Protein backbone atom coordinates (compact mmCIF):
# COMPACT_ATOMS: atom_id res chain seq x y z
CA MET A 1 -8.06 52.88 -34.18
CA PHE A 2 -11.40 54.57 -34.78
CA GLU A 3 -12.84 58.02 -35.36
CA ILE A 4 -15.28 59.78 -33.08
CA ARG A 5 -17.60 62.49 -34.39
CA VAL A 6 -19.35 64.77 -31.92
CA ILE A 7 -21.77 67.59 -32.66
CA CYS A 8 -21.91 70.05 -29.78
CA ASP A 9 -22.19 73.71 -28.84
CA ARG A 10 -19.01 75.63 -29.61
CA ALA A 11 -18.66 76.50 -25.94
CA ASP A 12 -18.49 72.78 -25.07
CA ALA A 13 -15.90 71.74 -27.69
CA ASP A 14 -12.84 72.01 -25.42
CA ARG A 15 -14.57 70.18 -22.57
CA VAL A 16 -15.67 67.36 -24.89
CA SER A 17 -12.17 67.06 -26.39
CA ARG A 18 -10.58 66.88 -22.93
CA ALA A 19 -13.06 64.23 -21.75
CA LEU A 20 -12.37 62.05 -24.77
CA ALA A 21 -8.61 62.51 -24.34
CA ALA A 22 -8.95 61.32 -20.75
CA ALA A 23 -10.74 58.15 -21.87
CA PHE A 24 -8.77 57.31 -25.04
CA ASP A 25 -5.46 57.94 -26.77
CA THR A 26 -6.51 60.72 -29.12
CA GLY A 27 -5.04 62.81 -31.87
CA PRO A 28 -5.80 66.49 -32.27
CA ALA A 29 -9.46 67.38 -32.73
CA ARG A 30 -10.50 68.66 -36.13
CA GLN A 31 -13.24 71.23 -35.76
CA TYR A 32 -15.76 72.36 -38.40
CA PRO A 33 -18.99 74.37 -38.16
CA THR A 34 -22.30 72.58 -38.69
CA ARG A 35 -24.38 73.49 -41.71
CA ASP A 36 -26.65 75.69 -39.62
CA GLY A 37 -23.59 77.46 -38.17
CA LYS A 38 -24.92 77.22 -34.62
CA ARG A 39 -22.87 74.26 -33.43
CA THR A 40 -19.55 72.63 -34.18
CA ARG A 41 -18.52 69.19 -35.38
CA LEU A 42 -15.49 67.55 -33.78
CA TYR A 43 -13.66 64.71 -35.48
CA ILE A 44 -11.20 62.91 -33.23
CA THR A 45 -9.08 59.88 -34.11
CA ALA A 46 -8.86 57.64 -31.05
CA ASP A 47 -7.48 54.35 -29.88
CA HIS A 48 -7.84 52.33 -26.69
CA ARG A 49 -5.13 52.99 -24.15
CA PRO A 50 -2.42 50.26 -24.17
CA ASP A 51 -3.07 49.34 -20.53
CA THR A 52 -6.77 48.51 -20.97
CA PRO A 53 -8.16 45.00 -21.56
CA GLU A 54 -10.09 46.23 -24.65
CA SER A 55 -6.81 46.89 -26.48
CA GLU A 56 -5.65 43.26 -26.23
């Protein structure tokens, strides 16, 4: 298990979360504003999917 942190535009947050969920087993995204308030930080706990060679 590992954590992914992404800094992106607020408008892209859902798209980024969906893309990561398609690639990994993910938990819910935790979303916080950046210090400048212009972007958002996403923290997502992820794991390799059970059917991939990387998870063995």
